[in-house]
Amino acid sequence: MSIAVFVNIYRMNCGFILSGATLLRNGSTKSALNFCGIAQYRALNSVSPGRKNGFRSCSTLKMMKDMSSASSASSAVDSERRPGSHKGFVEEMRFVAMRLHTKDQAPKEGKMEESVLPIQEWRPKKEDYLQFLVDSLAVYDYMESTIANSDDPMLSKFANTGLERTEALKKDIAWFESEGYKAQEPTKAATKYIEYLSSLLETKQSAFLCHWYNYYFAHTAGGRMIGRMMSSMLFDGKELEFYIWEKDVKEILGEVRERIDEVAKDWSREVKDECLDETSMAFAYSGTVLGNLAKKE
């Protein structure tokens, strides 16, 4: 998979900040702080403590210095411009997400440092990929069951969009088990993310929508590219159900964009900014799940 293809896919749509996973696993504190900020560092440091699977420890002073130098690059909201607002709220979300990509992922819009471990160097084992599916299932199932059982008018609009992944993931995990692999319990990457999402639902549901948007839309873009790469590397080209939708995914995304814009059209600027400000956390937590794959040989 060439870097040109990788960049083009990410320029087309928002996606995971692939460096997020490697930042967590390779201990690049400065890049990690640039990526998700002091508050996020403190929250995510409990996910995978230690030199190899988490951030290196550093002083509060250094953290403040790193954050100061990164503020212009990682600011989620431009209070004067709010780029993309003339096209709708989805375009605002896309713009903020693209700023959190690295320059090698999105040369024109990316603002972050290069990935510590480029995707071309990822060498997970089949067991790692199975764990990625298990963690992904836990997060998707939480989001989908929460929305399906919600009486909230805003959340209920995102039920049965066609993007749902729970049943597809269950089929893939069952296939792994039929091949002799044993699925483990979700890791802290998934359980911590679910805990965080649960807390958002109690305090600011607009921010939950930011996570929903980034998690699902990323899978249709960079996620599919990763799937093809893993399929070629580990499964002799087998296409997993995780990467198959019942109809054209572009059509589904178009319909969902309309739903988001419709929901957000009456939001105050404060609520919209609250949602946009959550983007770095969405990238950070999804990056920990993706970290199951960001491994060297």
C-alpha atoms as a PDB file:
ATOM      1  CA  MET A   1       0.000   0.000   0.000  1.00  0.00           C
ATOM      2  CA  SER A   2       1.653   3.234  -1.135  1.00  0.00           C
ATOM      3  CA  ILE A   3       1.750   6.384   0.984  1.00  0.00           C
ATOM      4  CA  ALA A   4       0.025   8.185  -1.890  1.00  0.00           C
ATOM      5  CA  VAL A   5      -3.029   5.950  -1.568  1.00  0.00           C
ATOM      6  CA  PHE A   6      -2.960   6.367   2.195  1.00  0.00           C
ATOM      7  CA  VAL A   7      -2.880  10.159   1.925  1.00  0.00           C
ATOM      8  CA  ASN A   8      -5.570  10.329  -0.730  1.00  0.00           C
ATOM      9  CA  ILE A   9      -8.016   8.265   1.313  1.00  0.00           C
ATOM     10  CA  TYR A  10      -7.544  10.495   4.301  1.00  0.00           C
ATOM     11  CA  ARG A  11      -7.903  13.661   2.280  1.00  0.00           C
ATOM     12  CA  MET A  12     -11.271  12.411   1.043  1.00  0.00           C
ATOM     13  CA  ASN A  13     -12.855  12.018   4.436  1.00  0.00           C
ATOM     14  CA  CYS A  14     -12.240  12.280   8.151  1.00  0.00           C
ATOM     15  CA  GLY A  15     -10.675   9.272   9.814  1.00  0.00           C
ATOM     16  CA  PHE A  16      -8.738   7.901  12.711  1.00  0.00           C
ATOM     17  CA  ILE A  17      -5.572   9.756  13.579  1.00  0.00           C
ATOM     18  CA  LEU A  18      -3.450   6.693  13.062  1.00  0.00           C
ATOM     19  CA  SER A  19      -0.605   8.172  15.023  1.00  0.00           C
ATOM     20  CA  GLY A  20      -2.817   8.190  18.120  1.00  0.00           C
ATOM     21  CA  ALA A  21      -2.403   4.491  18.588  1.00  0.00           C
ATOM     22  CA  THR A  22       1.343   4.550  18.136  1.00  0.00           C
ATOM     23  CA  LEU A  23       1.708   7.536  20.419  1.00  0.00           C
ATOM     24  CA  LEU A  24       0.053   5.556  23.184  1.00  0.00           C
ATOM     25  CA  ARG A  25       2.097   2.449  22.544  1.00  0.00           C
ATOM     26  CA  ASN A  26       5.499   3.983  21.773  1.00  0.00           C
ATOM     27  CA  GLY A  27       5.681   6.613  24.482  1.00  0.00           C
ATOM     28  CA  SER A  28       5.992   9.816  22.477  1.00  0.00           C
ATOM     29  CA  THR A  29       4.794  12.163  25.197  1.00  0.00           C
ATOM     30  CA  LYS A  30       5.267  15.397  23.302  1.00  0.00           C
ATOM     31  CA  SER A  31       3.364  14.160  20.268  1.00  0.00           C
ATOM     32  CA  ALA A  32       0.702  12.649  22.468  1.00  0.00           C
ATOM     33  CA  LEU A  33       0.185  15.923  24.280  1.00  0.00           C
ATOM     34  CA  ASN A  34       0.047  17.776  20.992  1.00  0.00           C
ATOM     35  CA  PHE A  35      -2.495  15.201  19.931  1.00  0.00           C
ATOM     36  CA  CYS A  36      -4.974  15.261  22.761  1.00  0.00           C
ATOM     37  CA  GLY A  37      -3.996  17.824  25.401  1.00  0.00           C
ATOM     38  CA  ILE A  38      -3.245  17.714  29.098  1.00  0.00           C
ATOM     39  CA  ALA A  39      -6.705  16.634  30.187  1.00  0.00           C
ATOM     40  CA  GLN A  40      -6.756  13.837  27.653  1.00  0.00           C
ATOM     41  CA  TYR A  41      -3.244  12.769  28.636  1.00  0.00           C
ATOM     42  CA  ARG A  42      -4.373  12.365  32.223  1.00  0.00           C
ATOM     43  CA  ALA A  43      -7.458  10.419  31.186  1.00  0.00           C
ATOM     44  CA  LEU A  44      -5.704   8.111  28.745  1.00  0.00           C
ATOM     45  CA  ASN A  45      -2.603   7.532  30.851  1.00  0.00           C
ATOM     46  CA  SER A  46      -4.679   5.044  32.840  1.00  0.00           C
ATOM     47  CA  VAL A  47      -5.443   3.016  29.719  1.00  0.00           C
ATOM     48  CA  SER A  48      -2.023   1.482  29.181  1.00  0.00           C
ATOM     49  CA  PRO A  49       0.495   2.597  31.794  1.00  0.00           C
ATOM     50  CA  GLY A  50       4.156   1.944  31.250  1.00  0.00           C
ATOM     51  CA  ARG A  51       6.955   2.836  28.893  1.00  0.00           C
ATOM     52  CA  LYS A  52       5.958   0.507  26.030  1.00  0.00           C
ATOM     53  CA  ASN A  53       2.169   0.713  26.131  1.00  0.00           C
ATOM     54  CA  GLY A  54       1.551   4.225  27.322  1.00  0.00           C
ATOM     55  CA  PHE A  55       2.978   7.715  27.644  1.00  0.00           C
ATOM     56  CA  ARG A  56       6.310   8.279  29.317  1.00  0.00           C
ATOM     57  CA  SER A  57       5.969  10.151  32.570  1.00  0.00           C
ATOM     58  CA  CYS A  58       6.832  13.825  32.433  1.00  0.00           C
ATOM     59  CA  SER A  59       6.622  16.851  34.664  1.00  0.00           C
ATOM     60  CA  THR A  60       3.610  19.150  34.710  1.00  0.00           C
ATOM     61  CA  LEU A  61       5.908  21.972  33.632  1.00  0.00           C
ATOM     62  CA  LYS A  62       6.999  20.092  30.539  1.00  0.00           C
ATOM     63  CA  MET A  63       3.407  19.209  29.767  1.00  0.00           C
ATOM     64  CA  MET A  64       2.438  22.859  29.951  1.00  0.00           C
ATOM     65  CA  LYS A  65       5.359  23.844  27.726  1.00  0.00           C
ATOM     66  CA  ASP A  66       4.481  21.212  25.120  1.00  0.00           C
ATOM     67  CA  MET A  67       0.839  22.222  25.128  1.00  0.00           C
ATOM     68  CA  SER A  68       1.716  25.880  24.716  1.00  0.00           C
ATOM     69  CA  SER A  69       3.860  25.183  21.673  1.00  0.00           C
ATOM     70  CA  ALA A  70       1.145  23.006  20.144  1.00  0.00           C
ATOM     71  CA  SER A  71      -1.850  25.194  20.818  1.00  0.00           C
ATOM     72  CA  SER A  72      -1.956  26.810  17.411  1.00  0.00           C
ATOM     73  CA  ALA A  73      -1.916  23.426  15.682  1.00  0.00           C
ATOM     74  CA  SER A  74      -4.393  21.497  17.799  1.00  0.00           C
ATOM     75  CA  SER A  75      -7.024  24.132  18.519  1.00  0.00           C
ATOM     76  CA  ALA A  76     -10.354  22.574  17.644  1.00  0.00           C
ATOM     77  CA  VAL A  77     -12.341  25.756  17.170  1.00  0.00           C
ATOM     78  CA  ASP A  78     -11.421  28.993  15.455  1.00  0.00           C
ATOM     79  CA  SER A  79     -13.750  31.452  17.167  1.00  0.00           C
ATOM     80  CA  GLU A  80     -13.563  33.940  14.291  1.00  0.00           C
ATOM     81  CA  ARG A  81     -13.559  31.788  11.136  1.00  0.00           C
ATOM     82  CA  ARG A  82     -15.306  28.541  12.022  1.00  0.00           C
ATOM     83  CA  PRO A  83     -14.293  27.089   8.648  1.00  0.00           C
ATOM     84  CA  GLY A  84     -16.890  25.045   6.844  1.00  0.00           C
ATOM     85  CA  SER A  85     -19.872  26.530   8.659  1.00  0.00           C
ATOM     86  CA  HIS A  86     -21.332  27.880   5.413  1.00  0.00           C
ATOM     87  CA  LYS A  87     -21.685  24.281   4.161  1.00  0.00           C
ATOM     88  CA  GLY A  88     -23.256  22.845   7.296  1.00  0.00           C
ATOM     89  CA  PHE A  89     -22.135  21.447  10.617  1.00  0.00           C
ATOM     90  CA  VAL A  90     -20.746  18.219   9.167  1.00  0.00           C
ATOM     91  CA  GLU A  91     -18.253  20.274   7.195  1.00  0.00           C
ATOM     92  CA  GLU A  92     -17.200  22.034  10.394  1.00  0.00           C
ATOM     93  CA  MET A  93     -16.644  18.639  12.003  1.00  0.00           C
ATOM     94  CA  ARG A  94     -14.667  17.426   9.011  1.00  0.00           C
ATOM     95  CA  PHE A  95     -12.426  20.491   9.059  1.00  0.00           C
ATOM     96  CA  VAL A  96     -11.594  20.081  12.747  1.00  0.00           C
ATOM     97  CA  ALA A  97     -10.921  16.370  12.262  1.00  0.00           C
ATOM     98  CA  MET A  98      -8.563  17.007   9.354  1.00  0.00           C
ATOM     99  CA  ARG A  99      -6.486  19.393  11.459  1.00  0.00           C
ATOM    100  CA  LEU A 100      -5.809  16.490  13.811  1.00  0.00           C
ATOM    101  CA  HIS A 101      -4.292  14.395  11.048  1.00  0.00           C
ATOM    102  CA  THR A 102      -0.551  14.357  10.513  1.00  0.00           C
ATOM    103  CA  LYS A 103       0.987  16.184   7.578  1.00  0.00           C
ATOM    104  CA  ASP A 104       1.883  12.908   5.888  1.00  0.00           C
ATOM    105  CA  GLN A 105      -1.754  11.791   6.157  1.00  0.00           C
ATOM    106  CA  ALA A 106      -3.229  15.096   4.965  1.00  0.00           C
ATOM    107  CA  PRO A 107      -0.568  17.396   3.483  1.00  0.00           C
ATOM    108  CA  LYS A 108      -2.869  20.384   2.985  1.00  0.00           C
ATOM    109  CA  GLU A 109      -4.933  20.241   6.177  1.00  0.00           C
ATOM    110  CA  GLY A 110      -2.987  18.079   8.626  1.00  0.00           C
ATOM    111  CA  LYS A 111      -1.300  19.918  11.483  1.00  0.00           C
ATOM    112  CA  MET A 112       0.141  17.162  13.674  1.00  0.00           C
ATOM    113  CA  GLU A 113       3.575  15.550  13.776  1.00  0.00           C
ATOM    114  CA  GLU A 114       4.285  12.471  11.677  1.00  0.00           C
ATOM    115  CA  SER A 115       3.206   9.103  13.028  1.00  0.00           C
ATOM    116  CA  VAL A 116       5.719   7.438  15.331  1.00  0.00           C
ATOM    117  CA  LEU A 117       5.057   4.101  13.629  1.00  0.00           C
ATOM    118  CA  PRO A 118       3.824   4.605  10.037  1.00  0.00           C
ATOM    119  CA  ILE A 119       1.011   2.333   8.978  1.00  0.00           C
ATOM    120  CA  GLN A 120       3.235   0.657   6.399  1.00  0.00           C
ATOM    121  CA  GLU A 121       5.312  -0.680   9.280  1.00  0.00           C
ATOM    122  CA  TRP A 122       2.429  -2.198  11.235  1.00  0.00           C
ATOM    123  CA  ARG A 123       2.922  -5.945  11.692  1.00  0.00           C
ATOM    124  CA  PRO A 124       0.188  -7.257  14.008  1.00  0.00           C
ATOM    125  CA  LYS A 125      -0.519 -10.959  14.452  1.00  0.00           C
ATOM    126  CA  LYS A 126      -3.902 -12.552  13.827  1.00  0.00           C
ATOM    127  CA  GLU A 127      -4.481 -12.575  17.583  1.00  0.00           C
ATOM    128  CA  ASP A 128      -3.929  -8.813  17.652  1.00  0.00           C
ATOM    129  CA  TYR A 129      -6.460  -8.336  14.891  1.00  0.00           C
ATOM    130  CA  LEU A 130      -8.996 -10.475  16.727  1.00  0.00           C
ATOM    131  CA  GLN A 131      -8.514  -8.307  19.815  1.00  0.00           C
ATOM    132  CA  PHE A 132      -9.052  -5.228  17.672  1.00  0.00           C
ATOM    133  CA  LEU A 133     -12.365  -6.714  16.511  1.00  0.00           C
ATOM    134  CA  VAL A 134     -13.375  -7.552  20.080  1.00  0.00           C
ATOM    135  CA  ASP A 135     -12.582  -4.030  21.309  1.00  0.00           C
ATOM    136  CA  SER A 136     -14.330  -2.499  18.305  1.00  0.00           C
ATOM    137  CA  LEU A 137     -17.411  -4.635  18.962  1.00  0.00           C
ATOM    138  CA  ALA A 138     -17.580  -3.441  22.567  1.00  0.00           C
ATOM    139  CA  VAL A 139     -17.547   0.221  21.506  1.00  0.00           C
ATOM    140  CA  TYR A 140     -19.935  -0.150  18.566  1.00  0.00           C
ATOM    141  CA  ASP A 141     -22.338  -2.249  20.615  1.00  0.00           C
ATOM    142  CA  TYR A 142     -22.382   0.363  23.358  1.00  0.00           C
ATOM    143  CA  MET A 143     -23.095   3.179  20.916  1.00  0.00           C
ATOM    144  CA  GLU A 144     -25.730   1.263  18.988  1.00  0.00           C
ATOM    145  CA  SER A 145     -27.584  -0.163  21.978  1.00  0.00           C
ATOM    146  CA  THR A 146     -27.530   3.241  23.683  1.00  0.00           C
ATOM    147  CA  ILE A 147     -29.049   4.929  20.636  1.00  0.00           C
ATOM    148  CA  ALA A 148     -31.570   2.147  20.023  1.00  0.00           C
ATOM    149  CA  ASN A 149     -32.850   2.341  23.596  1.00  0.00           C
ATOM    150  CA  SER A 150     -32.786   6.120  23.928  1.00  0.00           C
ATOM    151  CA  ASP A 151     -35.862   8.300  24.209  1.00  0.00           C
ATOM    152  CA  ASP A 152     -33.817  11.367  23.378  1.00  0.00           C
ATOM    153  CA  PRO A 153     -35.042  12.953  20.119  1.00  0.00           C
ATOM    154  CA  MET A 154     -31.517  13.817  19.004  1.00  0.00           C
ATOM    155  CA  LEU A 155     -29.978  10.383  19.594  1.00  0.00           C
ATOM    156  CA  SER A 156     -32.942   8.499  18.143  1.00  0.00           C
ATOM    157  CA  LYS A 157     -32.274  10.097  14.752  1.00  0.00           C
ATOM    158  CA  PHE A 158     -29.106   8.004  14.507  1.00  0.00           C
ATOM    159  CA  ALA A 159     -30.733   4.618  14.943  1.00  0.00           C
ATOM    160  CA  ASN A 160     -30.768   2.294  11.929  1.00  0.00           C
ATOM    161  CA  THR A 161     -28.590   4.488   9.740  1.00  0.00           C
ATOM    162  CA  GLY A 162     -27.065   1.569   7.853  1.00  0.00           C
ATOM    163  CA  LEU A 163     -23.637   2.251   9.336  1.00  0.00           C
ATOM    164  CA  GLU A 164     -24.164  -0.156  12.260  1.00  0.00           C
ATOM    165  CA  ARG A 165     -21.307  -2.624  12.745  1.00  0.00           C
ATOM    166  CA  THR A 166     -22.261  -4.813  15.698  1.00  0.00           C
ATOM    167  CA  GLU A 167     -23.730  -7.762  13.800  1.00  0.00           C
ATOM    168  CA  ALA A 168     -20.914  -7.734  11.232  1.00  0.00           C
ATOM    169  CA  LEU A 169     -18.304  -7.821  13.981  1.00  0.00           C
ATOM    170  CA  LYS A 170     -20.051 -10.707  15.724  1.00  0.00           C
ATOM    171  CA  LYS A 171     -19.868 -12.709  12.477  1.00  0.00           C
ATOM    172  CA  ASP A 172     -16.153 -11.969  12.066  1.00  0.00           C
ATOM    173  CA  ILE A 173     -15.342 -12.940  15.646  1.00  0.00           C
ATOM    174  CA  ALA A 174     -17.333 -16.156  15.192  1.00  0.00           C
ATOM    175  CA  TRP A 175     -15.284 -16.902  12.064  1.00  0.00           C
ATOM    176  CA  PHE A 176     -12.056 -16.446  14.022  1.00  0.00           C
ATOM    177  CA  GLU A 177     -13.293 -18.853  16.679  1.00  0.00           C
ATOM    178  CA  SER A 178     -14.217 -21.395  14.007  1.00  0.00           C
ATOM    179  CA  GLU A 179     -10.581 -21.188  12.919  1.00  0.00           C
ATOM    180  CA  GLY A 180      -9.418 -22.119  16.407  1.00  0.00           C
ATOM    181  CA  TYR A 181      -8.785 -18.673  17.901  1.00  0.00           C
ATOM    182  CA  LYS A 182     -10.246 -17.717  21.268  1.00  0.00           C
ATOM    183  CA  ALA A 183     -11.717 -14.253  21.700  1.00  0.00           C
ATOM    184  CA  GLN A 184     -10.607 -12.546  24.893  1.00  0.00           C
ATOM    185  CA  GLU A 185     -12.451  -9.927  26.917  1.00  0.00           C
ATOM    186  CA  PRO A 186     -12.313  -6.300  25.718  1.00  0.00           C
ATOM    187  CA  THR A 187      -9.173  -4.495  26.820  1.00  0.00           C
ATOM    188  CA  LYS A 188      -9.021  -1.280  28.814  1.00  0.00           C
ATOM    189  CA  ALA A 189      -8.812   0.605  25.526  1.00  0.00           C
ATOM    190  CA  ALA A 190     -12.447  -0.316  24.908  1.00  0.00           C
ATOM    191  CA  THR A 191     -13.763  -0.277  28.464  1.00  0.00           C
ATOM    192  CA  LYS A 192     -12.235   3.115  29.254  1.00  0.00           C
ATOM    193  CA  TYR A 193     -13.699   4.553  26.075  1.00  0.00           C
ATOM    194  CA  ILE A 194     -17.132   3.218  26.962  1.00  0.00           C
ATOM    195  CA  GLU A 195     -16.854   4.693  30.457  1.00  0.00           C
ATOM    196  CA  TYR A 196     -15.989   8.048  28.932  1.00  0.00           C
ATOM    197  CA  LEU A 197     -18.879   7.922  26.470  1.00  0.00           C
ATOM    198  CA  SER A 198     -21.241   7.053  29.301  1.00  0.00           C
ATOM    199  CA  SER A 199     -20.118  10.125  31.218  1.00  0.00           C
ATOM    200  CA  LEU A 200     -20.702  12.322  28.163  1.00  0.00           C
ATOM    201  CA  LEU A 201     -24.276  11.128  27.828  1.00  0.00           C
ATOM    202  CA  GLU A 202     -24.956  12.363  31.332  1.00  0.00           C
ATOM    203  CA  THR A 203     -23.473  15.807  30.782  1.00  0.00           C
ATOM    204  CA  LYS A 204     -23.344  16.845  27.111  1.00  0.00           C
ATOM    205  CA  GLN A 205     -24.973  14.720  24.445  1.00  0.00           C
ATOM    206  CA  SER A 206     -23.798  16.972  21.648  1.00  0.00           C
ATOM    207  CA  ALA A 207     -20.249  15.870  22.469  1.00  0.00           C
ATOM    208  CA  PHE A 208     -21.351  12.220  22.231  1.00  0.00           C
ATOM    209  CA  LEU A 209     -22.447  12.921  18.654  1.00  0.00           C
ATOM    210  CA  CYS A 210     -18.899  14.067  17.872  1.00  0.00           C
ATOM    211  CA  HIS A 211     -17.575  10.656  18.935  1.00  0.00           C
ATOM    212  CA  TRP A 212     -20.288   8.846  17.003  1.00  0.00           C
ATOM    213  CA  TYR A 213     -19.535  10.802  13.841  1.00  0.00           C
ATOM    214  CA  ASN A 214     -15.778  10.344  13.996  1.00  0.00           C
ATOM    215  CA  TYR A 215     -15.908   6.660  14.950  1.00  0.00           C
ATOM    216  CA  TYR A 216     -18.322   5.607  12.204  1.00  0.00           C
ATOM    217  CA  PHE A 217     -17.151   7.881   9.424  1.00  0.00           C
ATOM    218  CA  ALA A 218     -13.502   7.009  10.057  1.00  0.00           C
ATOM    219  CA  HIS A 219     -14.251   3.334   9.568  1.00  0.00           C
ATOM    220  CA  THR A 220     -15.708   4.023   6.118  1.00  0.00           C
ATOM    221  CA  ALA A 221     -12.516   5.808   5.016  1.00  0.00           C
ATOM    222  CA  GLY A 222      -9.194   5.016   6.680  1.00  0.00           C
ATOM    223  CA  GLY A 223     -10.746   1.994   8.371  1.00  0.00           C
ATOM    224  CA  ARG A 224     -11.474   0.341   5.035  1.00  0.00           C
ATOM    225  CA  MET A 225      -7.941   1.002   3.860  1.00  0.00           C
ATOM    226  CA  ILE A 226      -6.592  -0.608   7.027  1.00  0.00           C
ATOM    227  CA  GLY A 227      -8.944  -3.539   6.453  1.00  0.00           C
ATOM    228  CA  ARG A 228      -7.573  -4.134   2.966  1.00  0.00           C
ATOM    229  CA  MET A 229      -4.028  -3.939   4.272  1.00  0.00           C
ATOM    230  CA  MET A 230      -4.742  -6.409   7.087  1.00  0.00           C
ATOM    231  CA  SER A 231      -6.625  -8.720   4.715  1.00  0.00           C
ATOM    232  CA  SER A 232      -3.636  -8.918   2.408  1.00  0.00           C
ATOM    233  CA  MET A 233      -1.156  -9.273   5.258  1.00  0.00           C
ATOM    234  CA  LEU A 234      -2.985 -11.796   7.447  1.00  0.00           C
ATOM    235  CA  PHE A 235      -5.908 -13.430   5.645  1.00  0.00           C
ATOM    236  CA  ASP A 236      -4.869 -14.094   2.026  1.00  0.00           C
ATOM    237  CA  GLY A 237      -7.239 -11.420   0.777  1.00  0.00           C
ATOM    238  CA  LYS A 238     -10.348 -12.542   2.681  1.00  0.00           C
ATOM    239  CA  GLU A 239     -12.823  -9.668   3.103  1.00  0.00           C
ATOM    240  CA  LEU A 240     -14.285  -9.524   6.578  1.00  0.00           C
ATOM    241  CA  GLU A 241     -17.894  -8.576   7.291  1.00  0.00           C
ATOM    242  CA  PHE A 242     -16.682  -5.538   9.239  1.00  0.00           C
ATOM    243  CA  TYR A 243     -15.934  -3.870   5.905  1.00  0.00           C
ATOM    244  CA  ILE A 244     -19.175  -4.771   4.110  1.00  0.00           C
ATOM    245  CA  TRP A 245     -22.365  -2.693   4.201  1.00  0.00           C
ATOM    246  CA  GLU A 246     -25.800  -3.643   2.916  1.00  0.00           C
ATOM    247  CA  LYS A 247     -25.795  -0.836   0.359  1.00  0.00           C
ATOM    248  CA  ASP A 248     -23.410   1.698  -1.143  1.00  0.00           C
ATOM    249  CA  VAL A 249     -21.619   3.244   1.819  1.00  0.00           C
ATOM    250  CA  LYS A 250     -21.318   6.591   0.026  1.00  0.00           C
ATOM    251  CA  GLU A 251     -25.095   6.747  -0.187  1.00  0.00           C
ATOM    252  CA  ILE A 252     -25.401   5.918   3.501  1.00  0.00           C
ATOM    253  CA  LEU A 253     -22.884   8.616   4.443  1.00  0.00           C
ATOM    254  CA  GLY A 254     -24.781  11.185   2.413  1.00  0.00           C
ATOM    255  CA  GLU A 255     -27.997  10.378   4.266  1.00  0.00           C
ATOM    256  CA  VAL A 256     -26.264  10.509   7.657  1.00  0.00           C
ATOM    257  CA  ARG A 257     -24.641  13.857   6.869  1.00  0.00           C
ATOM    258  CA  GLU A 258     -28.109  15.246   6.229  1.00  0.00           C
ATOM    259  CA  ARG A 259     -29.303  13.904   9.592  1.00  0.00           C
ATOM    260  CA  ILE A 260     -26.409  15.518  11.441  1.00  0.00           C
ATOM    261  CA  ASP A 261     -26.881  18.869   9.713  1.00  0.00           C
ATOM    262  CA  GLU A 262     -30.601  18.736  10.459  1.00  0.00           C
ATOM    263  CA  VAL A 263     -29.980  18.004  14.145  1.00  0.00           C
ATOM    264  CA  ALA A 264     -27.349  20.710  14.515  1.00  0.00           C
ATOM    265  CA  LYS A 265     -29.055  23.490  12.564  1.00  0.00           C
ATOM    266  CA  ASP A 266     -30.834  24.821  15.653  1.00  0.00           C
ATOM    267  CA  TRP A 267     -27.887  24.383  18.023  1.00  0.00           C
ATOM    268  CA  SER A 268     -26.424  27.498  19.558  1.00  0.00           C
ATOM    269  CA  ARG A 269     -22.851  28.370  18.664  1.00  0.00           C
ATOM    270  CA  GLU A 270     -21.845  27.337  22.169  1.00  0.00           C
ATOM    271  CA  VAL A 271     -23.292  23.839  21.755  1.00  0.00           C
ATOM    272  CA  LYS A 272     -21.684  23.432  18.334  1.00  0.00           C
ATOM    273  CA  ASP A 273     -18.320  24.467  19.715  1.00  0.00           C
ATOM    274  CA  GLU A 274     -18.747  22.068  22.629  1.00  0.00           C
ATOM    275  CA  CYS A 275     -19.202  19.285  20.098  1.00  0.00           C
ATOM    276  CA  LEU A 276     -16.230  20.364  17.981  1.00  0.00           C
ATOM    277  CA  ASP A 277     -13.998  20.655  21.025  1.00  0.00           C
ATOM    278  CA  GLU A 278     -14.543  16.959  21.680  1.00  0.00           C
ATOM    279  CA  THR A 279     -12.814  15.907  18.461  1.00  0.00           C
ATOM    280  CA  SER A 280      -9.387  15.428  20.014  1.00  0.00           C
ATOM    281  CA  MET A 281     -10.842  13.109  22.638  1.00  0.00           C
ATOM    282  CA  ALA A 282     -12.657  11.133  19.947  1.00  0.00           C
ATOM    283  CA  PHE A 283      -9.375  10.670  18.089  1.00  0.00           C
ATOM    284  CA  ALA A 284      -7.469   9.827  21.238  1.00  0.00           C
ATOM    285  CA  TYR A 285      -9.799   7.125  22.471  1.00  0.00           C
ATOM    286  CA  SER A 286     -10.376   5.568  19.058  1.00  0.00           C
ATOM    287  CA  GLY A 287      -6.593   5.571  18.651  1.00  0.00           C
ATOM    288  CA  THR A 288      -6.223   3.346  21.702  1.00  0.00           C
ATOM    289  CA  VAL A 289      -8.543   0.760  20.146  1.00  0.00           C
ATOM    290  CA  LEU A 290      -6.633   0.940  16.875  1.00  0.00           C
ATOM    291  CA  GLY A 291      -3.459   0.434  18.910  1.00  0.00           C
ATOM    292  CA  ASN A 292      -4.142  -3.303  18.818  1.00  0.00           C
ATOM    293  CA  LEU A 293      -2.846  -3.177  15.245  1.00  0.00           C
ATOM    294  CA  ALA A 294      -0.061  -0.599  15.547  1.00  0.00           C
ATOM    295  CA  LYS A 295       2.660  -3.076  16.426  1.00  0.00           C
ATOM    296  CA  LYS A 296       6.054  -4.000  15.072  1.00  0.00           C
ATOM    297  CA  GLU A 297       7.189  -7.525  14.334  1.00  0.00           C
END
